[in-house]
């Protein structure tokens, strides 16, 4: 059911790869709620995904951009404002990649070149996107920026390796920039810590399905789906959450605040 929560709002959505990705579902829900937006991703990611289908379904323009390049990010904002007819009201940062994790390199043996690359792509890209918007005055008053994160930023998960550190930096950037952008333009910046989700990136993590099942047992409401997360992001883009900023918001069915569930204890006894 649509409520026109984003009617008249303009946005930029990064990271949509295929229909399993959270960004893809956010785009569908934002479209249903009346928003117009630009889709963007790195050229290499676009070749791997199906973003053209999403653009056709939502009537959106695709503007390729490397989120590690300040020049390309500034071009993204400039072209987006020209295409959409005004400043931006919401931005979804859904960008993450760890070469160390892909190559199954243990945390104690990290390749530092890969580490720096992961940091640049997955965390510093948020700072660059915010700094470019700040410089260009590209965001409207009371605009909303949401970056997707994971609880590995606060707790230790052996399989999450360097992404734990990188997501911690991402959340810190959201808080720090949230202060400055809030004071200047009332722009809201938050991170959403989502359940394990069966995305292309998620399922590529070694042992992901076992952990997915573990989290499902622990969470009183079960794991939140990509569609559920899209609904939450839309609420954060809307005017209903105008006073929420600089927060890391857990969207995980209660996983983050449950010590252990009875179902997990029963499974151990078996």
Protein backbone atom coordinates (compact mmCIF):
# COMPACT_ATOMS: atom_id res chain seq x y z
CA UNK A 1 0.00 0.00 0.00
CA UNK A 2 1.32 3.45 -0.94
CA UNK A 3 0.82 6.60 1.15
CA UNK A 4 2.48 9.25 -1.07
CA UNK A 5 5.14 9.69 1.62
CA UNK A 6 7.69 10.89 -0.93
CA UNK A 7 5.42 12.75 -3.33
CA UNK A 8 7.37 15.58 -4.96
CA UNK A 9 10.71 14.47 -3.52
CA UNK A 10 13.85 13.97 -5.61
CA UNK A 11 16.56 11.48 -4.79
CA UNK A 12 19.72 9.59 -5.65
CA UNK A 13 19.88 5.84 -5.04
CA UNK A 14 23.24 4.09 -5.19
CA UNK A 15 24.10 0.42 -5.31
CA UNK A 16 21.11 -1.25 -7.00
CA UNK A 17 22.50 -4.40 -8.60
CA UNK A 18 19.63 -6.87 -8.95
CA UNK A 19 16.20 -7.48 -7.42
CA UNK A 20 17.77 -9.10 -4.33
CA UNK A 21 19.64 -5.93 -3.37
CA UNK A 22 18.28 -3.59 -0.73
CA UNK A 23 18.89 -0.57 -2.97
CA UNK A 24 16.74 -2.16 -5.68
CA UNK A 25 13.86 -2.61 -3.24
CA UNK A 26 14.31 0.94 -1.92
CA UNK A 27 13.99 2.24 -5.47
CA UNK A 28 10.76 0.30 -6.01
CA UNK A 29 9.23 1.57 -2.75
CA UNK A 30 10.39 5.16 -3.32
CA UNK A 31 8.78 5.04 -6.75
CA UNK A 32 5.54 3.71 -5.26
CA UNK A 33 5.57 6.54 -2.71
CA UNK A 34 5.76 9.20 -5.42
CA UNK A 35 9.48 10.01 -5.57
CA UNK A 36 11.54 10.69 -8.67
CA UNK A 37 15.19 9.75 -8.53
CA UNK A 38 18.41 8.94 -10.31
CA UNK A 39 20.04 5.51 -10.10
CA UNK A 40 23.81 5.26 -9.90
CA UNK A 41 26.51 2.66 -9.51
CA UNK A 42 30.10 2.11 -10.53
CA UNK A 43 30.43 1.21 -14.23
CA UNK A 44 31.83 -2.25 -13.42
CA UNK A 45 28.95 -3.00 -11.05
CA UNK A 46 26.46 -1.88 -13.67
CA UNK A 47 27.89 -4.37 -16.14
CA UNK A 48 27.39 -7.14 -13.57
CA UNK A 49 23.83 -6.20 -12.63
CA UNK A 50 20.43 -5.55 -14.14
CA UNK A 51 20.00 -1.87 -13.36
CA UNK A 52 18.47 -1.06 -16.75
CA UNK A 53 15.41 -3.14 -15.82
CA UNK A 54 14.99 -1.13 -12.62
CA UNK A 55 15.37 2.17 -14.47
CA UNK A 56 12.67 1.17 -16.92
CA UNK A 57 10.33 0.02 -14.16
CA UNK A 58 10.72 3.23 -12.15
CA UNK A 59 11.14 5.69 -15.01
CA UNK A 60 14.56 6.67 -13.70
CA UNK A 61 17.73 7.92 -15.34
CA UNK A 62 20.99 6.05 -14.77
CA UNK A 63 24.09 8.16 -14.15
CA UNK A 64 27.23 6.03 -13.71
CA UNK A 65 29.65 7.27 -11.05
CA UNK A 66 32.66 5.92 -9.20
CA UNK A 67 31.94 6.77 -5.57
CA UNK A 68 35.66 6.98 -4.80
CA UNK A 69 36.07 9.88 -7.26
CA UNK A 70 35.15 13.35 -6.02
CA UNK A 71 34.99 14.58 -9.59
CA UNK A 72 32.50 11.91 -10.63
CA UNK A 73 30.39 12.44 -7.51
CA UNK A 74 30.16 16.18 -8.20
CA UNK A 75 29.16 15.36 -11.77
CA UNK A 76 26.52 12.97 -10.41
CA UNK A 77 24.94 15.72 -8.29
CA UNK A 78 25.09 18.31 -11.04
CA UNK A 79 23.50 16.03 -13.65
CA UNK A 80 20.94 14.71 -11.17
CA UNK A 81 19.74 18.19 -10.24
CA UNK A 82 19.53 19.15 -13.91
CA UNK A 83 17.57 16.02 -14.77
CA UNK A 84 15.25 16.08 -11.74
CA UNK A 85 14.65 19.81 -11.88
CA UNK A 86 15.97 20.87 -8.50
CA UNK A 87 17.95 20.03 -5.40
CA UNK A 88 17.99 16.56 -3.86
CA UNK A 89 15.73 15.49 -0.98
CA UNK A 90 17.12 12.03 -0.21
CA UNK A 91 20.21 9.92 -0.85
CA UNK A 92 20.71 6.20 -0.25
CA UNK A 93 24.32 5.12 0.26
CA UNK A 94 24.36 1.38 -0.41
CA UNK A 95 28.01 0.87 -1.30
CA UNK A 96 30.24 -1.82 0.17
CA UNK A 97 33.06 -4.11 -0.93
CA UNK A 98 35.89 -5.97 0.79
CA UNK A 99 38.56 -7.65 -1.31
CA UNK A 100 39.94 -9.27 1.84
CA UNK A 101 36.60 -10.90 2.51
CA UNK A 102 36.15 -11.98 -1.09
CA UNK A 103 39.55 -13.65 -1.03
CA UNK A 104 38.83 -15.21 2.38
CA UNK A 105 41.85 -13.54 4.01
CA UNK A 106 41.70 -13.81 7.85
CA UNK A 107 41.50 -10.62 9.89
CA UNK A 108 44.89 -11.29 11.48
CA UNK A 109 46.54 -11.49 8.04
CA UNK A 110 44.83 -8.64 6.15
CA UNK A 111 46.27 -7.34 2.92
CA UNK A 112 46.58 -3.62 3.63
CA UNK A 113 46.23 -2.52 0.03
CA UNK A 114 42.91 -4.39 -0.08
CA UNK A 115 42.03 -2.89 3.33
CA UNK A 116 42.56 0.65 2.04
CA UNK A 117 40.56 -0.09 -1.09
CA UNK A 118 37.66 -1.41 0.99
CA UNK A 119 37.80 1.66 3.23
CA UNK A 120 37.77 4.02 0.26
CA UNK A 121 34.85 2.28 -1.43
CA UNK A 122 32.73 1.41 1.59
CA UNK A 123 33.27 4.28 4.06
CA UNK A 124 35.14 7.24 2.61
CA UNK A 125 32.70 7.22 -0.30
CA UNK A 126 30.02 8.42 2.15
CA UNK A 127 32.23 11.31 3.27
CA UNK A 128 32.96 12.19 -0.37
CA UNK A 129 29.27 12.11 -1.28
CA UNK A 130 28.38 14.32 1.67
CA UNK A 131 31.29 16.71 1.13
CA UNK A 132 30.40 17.12 -2.55
CA UNK A 133 26.76 17.81 -1.71
CA UNK A 134 27.84 20.29 0.99
CA UNK A 135 30.16 22.10 -1.42
CA UNK A 136 27.59 22.25 -4.23
CA UNK A 137 24.64 22.98 -1.90
CA UNK A 138 22.95 20.07 -3.65
CA UNK A 139 20.62 18.96 -0.84
CA UNK A 140 17.40 20.69 0.13
CA UNK A 141 16.58 21.81 3.67
CA UNK A 142 15.53 18.78 5.75
CA UNK A 143 16.93 16.34 3.18
CA UNK A 144 17.68 12.82 4.40
CA UNK A 145 20.76 10.68 3.79
CA UNK A 146 20.70 6.99 4.75
CA UNK A 147 23.72 4.68 4.64
CA UNK A 148 23.39 0.92 5.04
CA UNK A 149 25.59 -0.72 7.66
CA UNK A 150 25.78 -3.85 9.80
CA UNK A 151 26.08 -4.70 13.49
CA UNK A 152 29.60 -5.98 12.84
CA UNK A 153 30.60 -2.35 13.42
CA UNK A 154 29.79 -2.80 17.13
CA UNK A 155 30.32 -6.51 17.74
CA UNK A 156 32.91 -9.01 16.64
CA UNK A 157 31.96 -11.47 13.90
CA UNK A 158 34.94 -13.56 12.73
CA UNK A 159 33.67 -13.81 9.15
CA UNK A 160 33.22 -10.03 8.75
CA UNK A 161 37.00 -9.30 8.86
CA UNK A 162 37.97 -5.75 7.80
CA UNK A 163 34.37 -4.72 7.06
CA UNK A 164 33.81 -4.48 10.84
CA UNK A 165 36.34 -1.66 11.02
CA UNK A 166 35.14 -0.10 7.79
CA UNK A 167 31.47 -0.04 8.84
CA UNK A 168 32.51 1.50 12.17
CA UNK A 169 34.13 4.32 10.18
CA UNK A 170 31.01 4.66 8.02
CA UNK A 171 28.83 5.12 11.11
CA UNK A 172 31.28 7.65 12.59
CA UNK A 173 31.21 9.67 9.36
CA UNK A 174 27.41 9.74 9.49
CA UNK A 175 27.51 11.12 13.05
CA UNK A 176 30.27 13.65 12.40
CA UNK A 177 28.88 14.97 9.11
CA UNK A 178 25.37 14.79 10.56
CA UNK A 179 26.31 17.50 13.06
CA UNK A 180 27.74 19.89 10.48
CA UNK A 181 25.04 19.34 7.84
CA UNK A 182 22.33 19.51 10.47
CA UNK A 183 23.55 22.88 11.70
CA UNK A 184 23.87 24.26 8.18
CA UNK A 185 20.79 22.93 6.36
CA UNK A 186 18.85 20.67 8.77
CA UNK A 187 20.01 17.72 6.66
CA UNK A 188 19.52 14.40 8.45
CA UNK A 189 22.16 11.65 8.20
CA UNK A 190 21.57 8.18 9.62
CA UNK A 191 22.81 4.63 9.21
CA UNK A 192 20.57 1.56 9.15
CA UNK A 193 21.98 -1.65 10.61
CA UNK A 194 20.13 -4.36 8.72
CA UNK A 195 19.63 -8.08 9.40
CA UNK A 196 21.68 -10.59 7.42
CA UNK A 197 20.05 -10.28 4.00
CA UNK A 198 20.23 -12.60 1.01
CA UNK A 199 21.82 -10.11 -1.35
CA UNK A 200 24.56 -10.84 -3.88
CA UNK A 201 27.13 -9.35 -1.53
CA UNK A 202 25.74 -11.08 1.56
CA UNK A 203 25.53 -14.56 0.13
CA UNK A 204 29.11 -14.30 -1.14
CA UNK A 205 30.37 -14.29 2.47
CA UNK A 206 31.70 -17.69 3.55
CA UNK A 207 29.24 -19.39 5.91
CA UNK A 208 26.55 -16.77 5.29
CA UNK A 209 23.60 -19.18 5.19
CA UNK A 210 24.57 -20.77 8.52
CA UNK A 211 24.74 -17.32 10.09
CA UNK A 212 21.47 -16.30 8.43
CA UNK A 213 19.77 -19.27 10.07
CA UNK A 214 21.45 -18.47 13.41
CA UNK A 215 20.16 -14.88 13.30
CA UNK A 216 16.71 -16.10 12.31
CA UNK A 217 16.60 -18.22 15.48
CA UNK A 218 17.81 -15.39 17.69
CA UNK A 219 15.58 -12.61 16.36
CA UNK A 220 12.12 -12.53 18.01
CA UNK A 221 10.62 -11.19 14.77
CA UNK A 222 12.93 -13.12 12.46
CA UNK A 223 15.33 -11.59 9.97
CA UNK A 224 14.21 -8.40 8.23
CA UNK A 225 14.02 -8.78 4.45
CA UNK A 226 15.29 -6.37 1.80
CA UNK A 227 11.66 -5.29 1.27
CA UNK A 228 11.28 -4.60 5.00
CA UNK A 229 14.45 -2.50 4.95
CA UNK A 230 13.15 -0.57 1.95
CA UNK A 231 10.03 0.36 3.90
CA UNK A 232 12.18 1.60 6.78
CA UNK A 233 14.42 3.65 4.49
CA UNK A 234 11.37 5.26 2.88
CA UNK A 235 10.15 6.30 6.34
CA UNK A 236 13.55 7.91 6.99
CA UNK A 237 13.38 9.76 3.68
CA UNK A 238 9.92 11.06 4.54
CA UNK A 239 8.94 14.12 6.58
CA UNK A 240 7.65 11.83 9.34
CA UNK A 241 11.21 11.44 10.70
CA UNK A 242 12.44 15.02 10.39
CA UNK A 243 14.03 15.10 13.85
CA UNK A 244 15.96 11.82 13.55
CA UNK A 245 19.64 12.30 12.74
CA UNK A 246 23.14 11.04 13.59
CA UNK A 247 21.68 7.68 14.64
CA UNK A 248 22.63 4.10 13.93
CA UNK A 249 19.21 2.49 13.68
CA UNK A 250 18.91 -1.27 14.11
CA UNK A 251 16.50 -2.91 11.70
CA UNK A 252 17.01 -6.55 12.55
CA UNK A 253 13.90 -8.08 14.11
CA UNK A 254 15.33 -7.64 17.62
CA UNK A 255 18.55 -9.58 16.97
CA UNK A 256 20.84 -6.85 18.31
CA UNK A 257 19.15 -6.74 21.72
CA UNK A 258 18.55 -10.47 22.25
CA UNK A 259 21.23 -12.32 24.21
CA UNK A 260 20.08 -15.81 23.30
CA UNK A 261 16.74 -17.26 22.26
CA UNK A 262 15.03 -20.36 23.57
CA UNK A 263 15.12 -21.76 20.04
CA UNK A 264 18.92 -21.48 19.99
CA UNK A 265 19.19 -23.23 23.37
CA UNK A 266 16.87 -25.98 22.17
CA UNK A 267 18.97 -26.44 19.02
CA UNK A 268 22.15 -26.83 21.14
CA UNK A 269 20.51 -29.52 23.28
CA UNK A 270 19.72 -31.52 20.15
